[in-house]
mmCIF file of all heavy atoms, coordinates in Angstrom:
data_MODEL
# 
_entry.id   MODEL 
# 
loop_
_atom_site.group_PDB 
_atom_site.id 
_atom_site.type_symbol 
_atom_site.label_atom_id 
_atom_site.label_alt_id 
_atom_site.label_comp_id 
_atom_site.label_asym_id 
_atom_site.label_entity_id 
_atom_site.label_seq_id 
_atom_site.pdbx_PDB_ins_code 
_atom_site.Cartn_x 
_atom_site.Cartn_y 
_atom_site.Cartn_z 
_atom_site.occupancy 
_atom_site.B_iso_or_equiv 
_atom_site.pdbx_formal_charge 
_atom_site.auth_seq_id 
_atom_site.auth_comp_id 
_atom_site.auth_asym_id 
_atom_site.auth_atom_id 
_atom_site.pdbx_PDB_model_num 
ATOM 1   N N   . ASN A 1 1  ? -9.610  -12.660 14.706  1.00 0.00 ? 1  ASN A N   1 
ATOM 2   C CA  . ASN A 1 1  ? -10.292 -11.364 14.949  1.00 0.00 ? 1  ASN A CA  1 
ATOM 3   C C   . ASN A 1 1  ? -9.380  -10.186 14.644  1.00 0.00 ? 1  ASN A C   1 
ATOM 4   O O   . ASN A 1 1  ? -9.821  -9.025  14.774  1.00 0.00 ? 1  ASN A O   1 
ATOM 5   C CB  . ASN A 1 1  ? -10.760 -11.295 16.402  1.00 0.00 ? 1  ASN A CB  1 
ATOM 6   C CG  . ASN A 1 1  ? -11.848 -12.345 16.702  1.00 0.00 ? 1  ASN A CG  1 
ATOM 7   O OD1 . ASN A 1 1  ? -12.710 -12.582 15.840  1.00 0.00 ? 1  ASN A OD1 1 
ATOM 8   N ND2 . ASN A 1 1  ? -11.793 -12.963 17.869  1.00 0.00 ? 1  ASN A ND2 1 
ATOM 9   N N   . ASN A 1 2  ? -8.124  -10.465 14.308  1.00 0.00 ? 2  ASN A N   1 
ATOM 10  C CA  . ASN A 1 2  ? -7.188  -9.367  14.008  1.00 0.00 ? 2  ASN A CA  1 
ATOM 11  C C   . ASN A 1 2  ? -7.363  -9.008  12.541  1.00 0.00 ? 2  ASN A C   1 
ATOM 12  O O   . ASN A 1 2  ? -6.623  -9.455  11.665  1.00 0.00 ? 2  ASN A O   1 
ATOM 13  C CB  . ASN A 1 2  ? -5.755  -9.780  14.288  1.00 0.00 ? 2  ASN A CB  1 
ATOM 14  C CG  . ASN A 1 2  ? -4.807  -8.587  14.291  1.00 0.00 ? 2  ASN A CG  1 
ATOM 15  O OD1 . ASN A 1 2  ? -5.171  -7.500  13.857  1.00 0.00 ? 2  ASN A OD1 1 
ATOM 16  N ND2 . ASN A 1 2  ? -3.608  -8.817  14.787  1.00 0.00 ? 2  ASN A ND2 1 
ATOM 17  N N   . ILE A 1 3  ? -8.412  -8.147  12.330  1.00 0.00 ? 3  ILE A N   1 
ATOM 18  C CA  . ILE A 1 3  ? -8.801  -7.832  10.952  1.00 0.00 ? 3  ILE A CA  1 
ATOM 19  C C   . ILE A 1 3  ? -7.713  -7.017  10.275  1.00 0.00 ? 3  ILE A C   1 
ATOM 20  O O   . ILE A 1 3  ? -7.462  -7.164  9.079   1.00 0.00 ? 3  ILE A O   1 
ATOM 21  C CB  . ILE A 1 3  ? -10.152 -7.076  10.944  1.00 0.00 ? 3  ILE A CB  1 
ATOM 22  C CG1 . ILE A 1 3  ? -11.231 -7.966  11.574  1.00 0.00 ? 3  ILE A CG1 1 
ATOM 23  C CG2 . ILE A 1 3  ? -10.544 -6.709  9.512   1.00 0.00 ? 3  ILE A CG2 1 
ATOM 24  C CD1 . ILE A 1 3  ? -11.449 -9.279  10.907  1.00 0.00 ? 3  ILE A CD1 1 
ATOM 25  N N   . GLU A 1 4  ? -7.081  -6.141  11.046  1.00 0.00 ? 4  GLU A N   1 
ATOM 26  C CA  . GLU A 1 4  ? -6.095  -5.244  10.433  1.00 0.00 ? 4  GLU A CA  1 
ATOM 27  C C   . GLU A 1 4  ? -4.934  -6.038  9.818   1.00 0.00 ? 4  GLU A C   1 
ATOM 28  O O   . GLU A 1 4  ? -4.484  -5.742  8.721   1.00 0.00 ? 4  GLU A O   1 
ATOM 29  C CB  . GLU A 1 4  ? -5.572  -4.259  11.467  1.00 0.00 ? 4  GLU A CB  1 
ATOM 30  C CG  . GLU A 1 4  ? -6.654  -3.311  11.973  1.00 0.00 ? 4  GLU A CG  1 
ATOM 31  C CD  . GLU A 1 4  ? -6.115  -2.355  13.032  1.00 0.00 ? 4  GLU A CD  1 
ATOM 32  O OE1 . GLU A 1 4  ? -4.927  -2.535  13.419  1.00 0.00 ? 4  GLU A OE1 1 
ATOM 33  O OE2 . GLU A 1 4  ? -6.833  -1.463  13.446  1.00 0.00 ? 4  GLU A OE2 1 
ATOM 34  N N   . LYS A 1 5  ? -4.426  -7.035  10.537  1.00 0.00 ? 5  LYS A N   1 
ATOM 35  C CA  . LYS A 1 5  ? -3.330  -7.845  9.986   1.00 0.00 ? 5  LYS A CA  1 
ATOM 36  C C   . LYS A 1 5  ? -3.818  -8.800  8.899   1.00 0.00 ? 5  LYS A C   1 
ATOM 37  O O   . LYS A 1 5  ? -3.131  -9.050  7.917   1.00 0.00 ? 5  LYS A O   1 
ATOM 38  C CB  . LYS A 1 5  ? -2.641  -8.631  11.082  1.00 0.00 ? 5  LYS A CB  1 
ATOM 39  C CG  . LYS A 1 5  ? -1.842  -7.767  12.020  1.00 0.00 ? 5  LYS A CG  1 
ATOM 40  C CD  . LYS A 1 5  ? -1.077  -8.620  13.011  1.00 0.00 ? 5  LYS A CD  1 
ATOM 41  C CE  . LYS A 1 5  ? -0.190  -7.766  13.916  1.00 0.00 ? 5  LYS A CE  1 
ATOM 42  N NZ  . LYS A 1 5  ? 0.588   -8.586  14.862  1.00 0.00 ? 5  LYS A NZ  1 
ATOM 43  N N   . LEU A 1 6  ? -5.018  -9.335  9.121   1.00 0.00 ? 6  LEU A N   1 
ATOM 44  C CA  . LEU A 1 6  ? -5.525  -10.282 8.148   1.00 0.00 ? 6  LEU A CA  1 
ATOM 45  C C   . LEU A 1 6  ? -5.774  -9.645  6.794   1.00 0.00 ? 6  LEU A C   1 
ATOM 46  O O   . LEU A 1 6  ? -5.551  -10.240 5.751   1.00 0.00 ? 6  LEU A O   1 
ATOM 47  C CB  . LEU A 1 6  ? -6.819  -10.928 8.679   1.00 0.00 ? 6  LEU A CB  1 
ATOM 48  C CG  . LEU A 1 6  ? -6.648  -11.863 9.883   1.00 0.00 ? 6  LEU A CG  1 
ATOM 49  C CD1 . LEU A 1 6  ? -8.027  -12.356 10.359  1.00 0.00 ? 6  LEU A CD1 1 
ATOM 50  C CD2 . LEU A 1 6  ? -5.759  -13.044 9.534   1.00 0.00 ? 6  LEU A CD2 1 
ATOM 51  N N   . GLU A 1 7  ? -6.295  -8.375  6.847   1.00 0.00 ? 7  GLU A N   1 
ATOM 52  C CA  . GLU A 1 7  ? -6.607  -7.750  5.578   1.00 0.00 ? 7  GLU A CA  1 
ATOM 53  C C   . GLU A 1 7  ? -5.357  -7.332  4.789   1.00 0.00 ? 7  GLU A C   1 
ATOM 54  O O   . GLU A 1 7  ? -5.453  -6.966  3.642   1.00 0.00 ? 7  GLU A O   1 
ATOM 55  C CB  . GLU A 1 7  ? -7.489  -6.522  5.812   1.00 0.00 ? 7  GLU A CB  1 
ATOM 56  C CG  . GLU A 1 7  ? -6.777  -5.386  6.524   1.00 0.00 ? 7  GLU A CG  1 
ATOM 57  C CD  . GLU A 1 7  ? -7.701  -4.176  6.708   1.00 0.00 ? 7  GLU A CD  1 
ATOM 58  O OE1 . GLU A 1 7  ? -8.822  -4.267  6.215   1.00 0.00 ? 7  GLU A OE1 1 
ATOM 59  O OE2 . GLU A 1 7  ? -7.252  -3.186  7.283   1.00 0.00 ? 7  GLU A OE2 1 
ATOM 60  N N   . SER A 1 8  ? -4.149  -7.426  5.457   1.00 0.00 ? 8  SER A N   1 
ATOM 61  C CA  . SER A 1 8  ? -2.908  -7.110  4.743   1.00 0.00 ? 8  SER A CA  1 
ATOM 62  C C   . SER A 1 8  ? -2.319  -8.326  4.020   1.00 0.00 ? 8  SER A C   1 
ATOM 63  O O   . SER A 1 8  ? -1.347  -8.200  3.279   1.00 0.00 ? 8  SER A O   1 
ATOM 64  C CB  . SER A 1 8  ? -1.861  -6.553  5.722   1.00 0.00 ? 8  SER A CB  1 
ATOM 65  O OG  . SER A 1 8  ? -1.521  -7.544  6.691   1.00 0.00 ? 8  SER A OG  1 
ATOM 66  N N   . LEU A 1 9  ? -2.915  -9.489  4.266   1.00 0.00 ? 9  LEU A N   1 
ATOM 67  C CA  . LEU A 1 9  ? -2.401  -10.697 3.617   1.00 0.00 ? 9  LEU A CA  1 
ATOM 68  C C   . LEU A 1 9  ? -2.694  -10.656 2.118   1.00 0.00 ? 9  LEU A C   1 
ATOM 69  O O   . LEU A 1 9  ? -3.781  -10.237 1.715   1.00 0.00 ? 9  LEU A O   1 
ATOM 70  C CB  . LEU A 1 9  ? -3.029  -11.950 4.227   1.00 0.00 ? 9  LEU A CB  1 
ATOM 71  C CG  . LEU A 1 9  ? -2.670  -12.232 5.703   1.00 0.00 ? 9  LEU A CG  1 
ATOM 72  C CD1 . LEU A 1 9  ? -3.452  -13.433 6.215   1.00 0.00 ? 9  LEU A CD1 1 
ATOM 73  C CD2 . LEU A 1 9  ? -1.172  -12.464 5.840   1.00 0.00 ? 9  LEU A CD2 1 
ATOM 74  N N   . PRO A 1 10 ? -1.718  -11.100 1.283   1.00 0.00 ? 10 PRO A N   1 
ATOM 75  C CA  . PRO A 1 10 ? -1.926  -11.039 -0.173  1.00 0.00 ? 10 PRO A CA  1 
ATOM 76  C C   . PRO A 1 10 ? -3.103  -11.873 -0.622  1.00 0.00 ? 10 PRO A C   1 
ATOM 77  O O   . PRO A 1 10 ? -3.805  -11.507 -1.565  1.00 0.00 ? 10 PRO A O   1 
ATOM 78  C CB  . PRO A 1 10 ? -0.610  -11.602 -0.740  1.00 0.00 ? 10 PRO A CB  1 
ATOM 79  C CG  . PRO A 1 10 ? 0.398   -11.394 0.330   1.00 0.00 ? 10 PRO A CG  1 
ATOM 80  C CD  . PRO A 1 10 ? -0.350  -11.514 1.630   1.00 0.00 ? 10 PRO A CD  1 
ATOM 81  N N   . GLU A 1 11 ? -3.340  -13.048 0.042   1.00 0.00 ? 11 GLU A N   1 
ATOM 82  C CA  . GLU A 1 11 ? -4.445  -13.908 -0.367  1.00 0.00 ? 11 GLU A CA  1 
ATOM 83  C C   . GLU A 1 11 ? -5.789  -13.219 -0.141  1.00 0.00 ? 11 GLU A C   1 
ATOM 84  O O   . GLU A 1 11 ? -6.759  -13.441 -0.882  1.00 0.00 ? 11 GLU A O   1 
ATOM 85  C CB  . GLU A 1 11 ? -4.395  -15.222 0.414   1.00 0.00 ? 11 GLU A CB  1 
ATOM 86  C CG  . GLU A 1 11 ? -3.246  -16.147 0.028   1.00 0.00 ? 11 GLU A CG  1 
ATOM 87  C CD  . GLU A 1 11 ? -1.972  -15.749 0.724   1.00 0.00 ? 11 GLU A CD  1 
ATOM 88  O OE1 . GLU A 1 11 ? -1.980  -14.723 1.446   1.00 0.00 ? 11 GLU A OE1 1 
ATOM 89  O OE2 . GLU A 1 11 ? -0.915  -16.435 0.524   1.00 0.00 ? 11 GLU A OE2 1 
ATOM 90  N N   . ILE A 1 12 ? -5.855  -12.349 0.902   1.00 0.00 ? 12 ILE A N   1 
ATOM 91  C CA  . ILE A 1 12 ? -7.124  -11.649 1.207   1.00 0.00 ? 12 ILE A CA  1 
ATOM 92  C C   . ILE A 1 12 ? -7.265  -10.407 0.353   1.00 0.00 ? 12 ILE A C   1 
ATOM 93  O O   . ILE A 1 12 ? -8.335  -10.134 -0.214  1.00 0.00 ? 12 ILE A O   1 
ATOM 94  C CB  . ILE A 1 12 ? -7.184  -11.314 2.710   1.00 0.00 ? 12 ILE A CB  1 
ATOM 95  C CG1 . ILE A 1 12 ? -7.262  -12.633 3.511   1.00 0.00 ? 12 ILE A CG1 1 
ATOM 96  C CG2 . ILE A 1 12 ? -8.366  -10.409 3.032   1.00 0.00 ? 12 ILE A CG2 1 
ATOM 97  C CD1 . ILE A 1 12 ? -7.260  -12.433 5.004   1.00 0.00 ? 12 ILE A CD1 1 
ATOM 98  N N   . THR A 1 13 ? -6.190  -9.667  0.232   1.00 0.00 ? 13 THR A N   1 
ATOM 99  C CA  . THR A 1 13 ? -6.258  -8.426  -0.547  1.00 0.00 ? 13 THR A CA  1 
ATOM 100 C C   . THR A 1 13 ? -6.487  -8.709  -2.014  1.00 0.00 ? 13 THR A C   1 
ATOM 101 O O   . THR A 1 13 ? -7.008  -7.861  -2.738  1.00 0.00 ? 13 THR A O   1 
ATOM 102 C CB  . THR A 1 13 ? -4.950  -7.630  -0.384  1.00 0.00 ? 13 THR A CB  1 
ATOM 103 O OG1 . THR A 1 13 ? -3.845  -8.457  -0.762  1.00 0.00 ? 13 THR A OG1 1 
ATOM 104 C CG2 . THR A 1 13 ? -4.750  -7.199  1.047   1.00 0.00 ? 13 THR A CG2 1 
ATOM 105 N N   . ALA A 1 14 ? -6.108  -9.895  -2.471  1.00 0.00 ? 14 ALA A N   1 
ATOM 106 C CA  . ALA A 1 14 ? -6.298  -10.212 -3.879  1.00 0.00 ? 14 ALA A CA  1 
ATOM 107 C C   . ALA A 1 14 ? -7.733  -10.630 -4.201  1.00 0.00 ? 14 ALA A C   1 
ATOM 108 O O   . ALA A 1 14 ? -8.104  -10.742 -5.370  1.00 0.00 ? 14 ALA A O   1 
ATOM 109 C CB  . ALA A 1 14 ? -5.326  -11.330 -4.283  1.00 0.00 ? 14 ALA A CB  1 
ATOM 110 N N   . HIS A 1 15 ? -8.581  -10.874 -3.149  1.00 0.00 ? 15 HIS A N   1 
ATOM 111 C CA  . HIS A 1 15 ? -9.957  -11.319 -3.384  1.00 0.00 ? 15 HIS A CA  1 
ATOM 112 C C   . HIS A 1 15 ? -10.790 -10.154 -3.897  1.00 0.00 ? 15 HIS A C   1 
ATOM 113 O O   . HIS A 1 15 ? -10.695 -9.037  -3.404  1.00 0.00 ? 15 HIS A O   1 
ATOM 114 C CB  . HIS A 1 15 ? -10.543 -11.893 -2.097  1.00 0.00 ? 15 HIS A CB  1 
ATOM 115 C CG  . HIS A 1 15 ? -11.806 -12.659 -2.332  1.00 0.00 ? 15 HIS A CG  1 
ATOM 116 N ND1 . HIS A 1 15 ? -13.065 -12.072 -2.331  1.00 0.00 ? 15 HIS A ND1 1 
ATOM 117 C CD2 . HIS A 1 15 ? -12.014 -13.982 -2.602  1.00 0.00 ? 15 HIS A CD2 1 
ATOM 118 C CE1 . HIS A 1 15 ? -13.990 -12.985 -2.568  1.00 0.00 ? 15 HIS A CE1 1 
ATOM 119 N NE2 . HIS A 1 15 ? -13.357 -14.193 -2.734  1.00 0.00 ? 15 HIS A NE2 1 
ATOM 120 N N   . ARG A 1 16 ? -11.612 -10.388 -4.895  1.00 0.00 ? 16 ARG A N   1 
ATOM 121 C CA  . ARG A 1 16 ? -12.395 -9.324  -5.526  1.00 0.00 ? 16 ARG A CA  1 
ATOM 122 C C   . ARG A 1 16 ? -13.400 -8.691  -4.569  1.00 0.00 ? 16 ARG A C   1 
ATOM 123 O O   . ARG A 1 16 ? -13.553 -7.453  -4.506  1.00 0.00 ? 16 ARG A O   1 
ATOM 124 C CB  . ARG A 1 16 ? -13.115 -9.874  -6.762  1.00 0.00 ? 16 ARG A CB  1 
ATOM 125 C CG  . ARG A 1 16 ? -13.906 -8.824  -7.535  1.00 0.00 ? 16 ARG A CG  1 
ATOM 126 C CD  . ARG A 1 16 ? -12.929 -7.821  -8.115  1.00 0.00 ? 16 ARG A CD  1 
ATOM 127 N NE  . ARG A 1 16 ? -13.629 -6.798  -8.865  1.00 0.00 ? 16 ARG A NE  1 
ATOM 128 C CZ  . ARG A 1 16 ? -13.903 -6.876  -10.181 1.00 0.00 ? 16 ARG A CZ  1 
ATOM 129 N NH1 . ARG A 1 16 ? -13.509 -7.953  -10.849 1.00 0.00 ? 16 ARG A NH1 1 
ATOM 130 N NH2 . ARG A 1 16 ? -14.525 -5.902  -10.821 1.00 0.00 ? 16 ARG A NH2 1 
ATOM 131 N N   . GLY A 1 17 ? -14.058 -9.513  -3.774  1.00 0.00 ? 17 GLY A N   1 
ATOM 132 C CA  . GLY A 1 17 ? -15.048 -8.972  -2.817  1.00 0.00 ? 17 GLY A CA  1 
ATOM 133 C C   . GLY A 1 17 ? -14.373 -8.102  -1.778  1.00 0.00 ? 17 GLY A C   1 
ATOM 134 O O   . GLY A 1 17 ? -14.913 -7.051  -1.400  1.00 0.00 ? 17 GLY A O   1 
ATOM 135 N N   . ILE A 1 18 ? -13.204 -8.514  -1.333  1.00 0.00 ? 18 ILE A N   1 
ATOM 136 C CA  . ILE A 1 18 ? -12.473 -7.733  -0.343  1.00 0.00 ? 18 ILE A CA  1 
ATOM 137 C C   . ILE A 1 18 ? -12.027 -6.427  -0.964  1.00 0.00 ? 18 ILE A C   1 
ATOM 138 O O   . ILE A 1 18 ? -12.082 -5.365  -0.315  1.00 0.00 ? 18 ILE A O   1 
ATOM 139 C CB  . ILE A 1 18 ? -11.268 -8.520  0.178   1.00 0.00 ? 18 ILE A CB  1 
ATOM 140 C CG1 . ILE A 1 18 ? -11.697 -9.851  0.828   1.00 0.00 ? 18 ILE A CG1 1 
ATOM 141 C CG2 . ILE A 1 18 ? -10.462 -7.699  1.164   1.00 0.00 ? 18 ILE A CG2 1 
ATOM 142 C CD1 . ILE A 1 18 ? -12.633 -9.666  2.020   1.00 0.00 ? 18 ILE A CD1 1 
ATOM 143 N N   . GLN A 1 19 ? -11.583 -6.491  -2.211  1.00 0.00 ? 19 GLN A N   1 
ATOM 144 C CA  . GLN A 1 19 ? -11.154 -5.265  -2.890  1.00 0.00 ? 19 GLN A CA  1 
ATOM 145 C C   . GLN A 1 19 ? -12.316 -4.283  -3.022  1.00 0.00 ? 19 GLN A C   1 
ATOM 146 O O   . GLN A 1 19 ? -12.165 -3.073  -2.778  1.00 0.00 ? 19 GLN A O   1 
ATOM 147 C CB  . GLN A 1 19 ? -10.560 -5.607  -4.264  1.00 0.00 ? 19 GLN A CB  1 
ATOM 148 C CG  . GLN A 1 19 ? -9.231  -6.338  -4.204  1.00 0.00 ? 19 GLN A CG  1 
ATOM 149 C CD  . GLN A 1 19 ? -8.705  -6.692  -5.579  1.00 0.00 ? 19 GLN A CD  1 
ATOM 150 O OE1 . GLN A 1 19 ? -9.402  -6.467  -6.597  1.00 0.00 ? 19 GLN A OE1 1 
ATOM 151 N NE2 . GLN A 1 19 ? -7.482  -7.271  -5.616  1.00 0.00 ? 19 GLN A NE2 1 
ATOM 152 N N   . ASP A 1 20 ? -13.528 -4.792  -3.380  1.00 0.00 ? 20 ASP A N   1 
ATOM 153 C CA  . ASP A 1 20 ? -14.718 -3.915  -3.513  1.00 0.00 ? 20 ASP A CA  1 
ATOM 154 C C   . ASP A 1 20 ? -15.089 -3.307  -2.164  1.00 0.00 ? 20 ASP A C   1 
ATOM 155 O O   . ASP A 1 20 ? -15.419 -2.104  -2.067  1.00 0.00 ? 20 ASP A O   1 
ATOM 156 C CB  . ASP A 1 20 ? -15.897 -4.704  -4.085  1.00 0.00 ? 20 ASP A CB  1 
ATOM 157 C CG  . ASP A 1 20 ? -15.631 -5.131  -5.538  1.00 0.00 ? 20 ASP A CG  1 
ATOM 158 O OD1 . ASP A 1 20 ? -14.740 -4.510  -6.163  1.00 0.00 ? 20 ASP A OD1 1 
ATOM 159 O OD2 . ASP A 1 20 ? -16.280 -6.093  -6.023  1.00 0.00 ? 20 ASP A OD2 1 
ATOM 160 N N   . ALA A 1 21 ? -15.029 -4.137  -1.109  1.00 0.00 ? 21 ALA A N   1 
ATOM 161 C CA  . ALA A 1 21 ? -15.389 -3.644  0.236   1.00 0.00 ? 21 ALA A CA  1 
ATOM 162 C C   . ALA A 1 21 ? -14.397 -2.580  0.689   1.00 0.00 ? 21 ALA A C   1 
ATOM 163 O O   . ALA A 1 21 ? -14.783 -1.557  1.290   1.00 0.00 ? 21 ALA A O   1 
ATOM 164 C CB  . ALA A 1 21 ? -15.424 -4.797  1.219   1.00 0.00 ? 21 ALA A CB  1 
ATOM 165 N N   . LYS A 1 22 ? -13.128 -2.778  0.405   1.00 0.00 ? 22 LYS A N   1 
ATOM 166 C CA  . LYS A 1 22 ? -12.124 -1.812  0.813   1.00 0.00 ? 22 LYS A CA  1 
ATOM 167 C C   . LYS A 1 22 ? -12.249 -0.518  0.019   1.00 0.00 ? 22 LYS A C   1 
ATOM 168 O O   . LYS A 1 22 ? -12.058 0.591   0.568   1.00 0.00 ? 22 LYS A O   1 
ATOM 169 C CB  . LYS A 1 22 ? -10.713 -2.398  0.605   1.00 0.00 ? 22 LYS A CB  1 
ATOM 170 C CG  . LYS A 1 22 ? -10.412 -3.517  1.585   1.00 0.00 ? 22 LYS A CG  1 
ATOM 171 C CD  . LYS A 1 22 ? -8.972  -4.000  1.446   1.00 0.00 ? 22 LYS A CD  1 
ATOM 172 C CE  . LYS A 1 22 ? -8.038  -2.991  2.033   1.00 0.00 ? 22 LYS A CE  1 
ATOM 173 N NZ  . LYS A 1 22 ? -6.635  -3.477  2.044   1.00 0.00 ? 22 LYS A NZ  1 
ATOM 174 N N   . ASN A 1 23 ? -12.601 -0.621  -1.276  1.00 0.00 ? 23 ASN A N   1 
ATOM 175 C CA  . ASN A 1 23 ? -12.845 0.580   -2.078  1.00 0.00 ? 23 ASN A CA  1 
ATOM 176 C C   . ASN A 1 23 ? -14.037 1.366   -1.515  1.00 0.00 ? 23 ASN A C   1 
ATOM 177 O O   . ASN A 1 23 ? -14.017 2.606   -1.419  1.00 0.00 ? 23 ASN A O   1 
ATOM 178 C CB  . ASN A 1 23 ? -13.095 0.206   -3.531  1.00 0.00 ? 23 ASN A CB  1 
ATOM 179 C CG  . ASN A 1 23 ? -11.835 -0.345  -4.211  1.00 0.00 ? 23 ASN A CG  1 
ATOM 180 O OD1 . ASN A 1 23 ? -10.721 -0.003  -3.786  1.00 0.00 ? 23 ASN A OD1 1 
ATOM 181 N ND2 . ASN A 1 23 ? -12.001 -1.169  -5.245  1.00 0.00 ? 23 ASN A ND2 1 
ATOM 182 N N   . GLN A 1 24 ? -15.140 0.641   -1.126  1.00 0.00 ? 24 GLN A N   1 
ATOM 183 C CA  . GLN A 1 24 ? -16.313 1.288   -0.528  1.00 0.00 ? 24 GLN A CA  1 
ATOM 184 C C   . GLN A 1 24 ? -15.946 1.938   0.775   1.00 0.00 ? 24 GLN A C   1 
ATOM 185 O O   . GLN A 1 24 ? -16.404 3.051   1.086   1.00 0.00 ? 24 GLN A O   1 
ATOM 186 C CB  . GLN A 1 24 ? -17.434 0.239   -0.307  1.00 0.00 ? 24 GLN A CB  1 
ATOM 187 C CG  . GLN A 1 24 ? -18.757 0.837   0.171   1.00 0.00 ? 24 GLN A CG  1 
ATOM 188 C CD  . GLN A 1 24 ? -19.397 1.760   -0.858  1.00 0.00 ? 24 GLN A CD  1 
ATOM 189 O OE1 . GLN A 1 24 ? -19.266 1.544   -2.067  1.00 0.00 ? 24 GLN A OE1 1 
ATOM 190 N NE2 . GLN A 1 24 ? -20.100 2.808   -0.419  1.00 0.00 ? 24 GLN A NE2 1 
ATOM 191 N N   . LEU A 1 25 ? -15.079 1.285   1.526   1.00 0.00 ? 25 LEU A N   1 
ATOM 192 C CA  . LEU A 1 25 ? -14.658 1.833   2.817   1.00 0.00 ? 25 LEU A CA  1 
ATOM 193 C C   . LEU A 1 25 ? -13.876 3.129   2.617   1.00 0.00 ? 25 LEU A C   1 
ATOM 194 O O   . LEU A 1 25 ? -14.053 4.103   3.353   1.00 0.00 ? 25 LEU A O   1 
ATOM 195 C CB  . LEU A 1 25 ? -13.791 0.799   3.541   1.00 0.00 ? 25 LEU A CB  1 
ATOM 196 C CG  . LEU A 1 25 ? -13.207 1.242   4.905   1.00 0.00 ? 25 LEU A CG  1 
ATOM 197 C CD1 . LEU A 1 25 ? -14.364 1.570   5.893   1.00 0.00 ? 25 LEU A CD1 1 
ATOM 198 C CD2 . LEU A 1 25 ? -12.303 0.152   5.478   1.00 0.00 ? 25 LEU A CD2 1 
ATOM 199 N N   . ILE A 1 26 ? -13.015 3.111   1.615   1.00 0.00 ? 26 ILE A N   1 
ATOM 200 C CA  . ILE A 1 26 ? -12.200 4.319   1.353   1.00 0.00 ? 26 ILE A CA  1 
ATOM 201 C C   . ILE A 1 26 ? -13.097 5.477   0.951   1.00 0.00 ? 26 ILE A C   1 
ATOM 202 O O   . ILE A 1 26 ? -12.935 6.629   1.412   1.00 0.00 ? 26 ILE A O   1 
ATOM 203 C CB  . ILE A 1 26 ? -11.161 4.006   0.255   1.00 0.00 ? 26 ILE A CB  1 
ATOM 204 C CG1 . ILE A 1 26 ? -10.118 3.013   0.775   1.00 0.00 ? 26 ILE A CG1 1 
ATOM 205 C CG2 . ILE A 1 26 ? -10.448 5.285   -0.214  1.00 0.00 ? 26 ILE A CG2 1 
ATOM 206 C CD1 . ILE A 1 26 ? -9.215  2.477   -0.285  1.00 0.00 ? 26 ILE A CD1 1 
ATOM 207 N N   . LEU A 1 27 ? -14.127 5.237   0.101   1.00 0.00 ? 27 LEU A N   1 
ATOM 208 C CA  . LEU A 1 27 ? -15.028 6.301   -0.334  1.00 0.00 ? 27 LEU A CA  1 
ATOM 209 C C   . LEU A 1 27 ? -15.842 6.827   0.842   1.00 0.00 ? 27 LEU A C   1 
ATOM 210 O O   . LEU A 1 27 ? -16.048 8.054   0.978   1.00 0.00 ? 27 LEU A O   1 
ATOM 211 C CB  . LEU A 1 27 ? -15.964 5.763   -1.442  1.00 0.00 ? 27 LEU A CB  1 
ATOM 212 C CG  . LEU A 1 27 ? -15.290 5.403   -2.790  1.00 0.00 ? 27 LEU A CG  1 
ATOM 213 C CD1 . LEU A 1 27 ? -16.310 4.751   -3.723  1.00 0.00 ? 27 LEU A CD1 1 
ATOM 214 C CD2 . LEU A 1 27 ? -14.679 6.626   -3.413  1.00 0.00 ? 27 LEU A CD2 1 
# 
């Protein structure tokens, strides 16, 4: 449930869906 630490992992940040979701979040 620790999304903040999990989303910093290279395996997660490298996923295309995660990258799109994070870009949408930033916008």
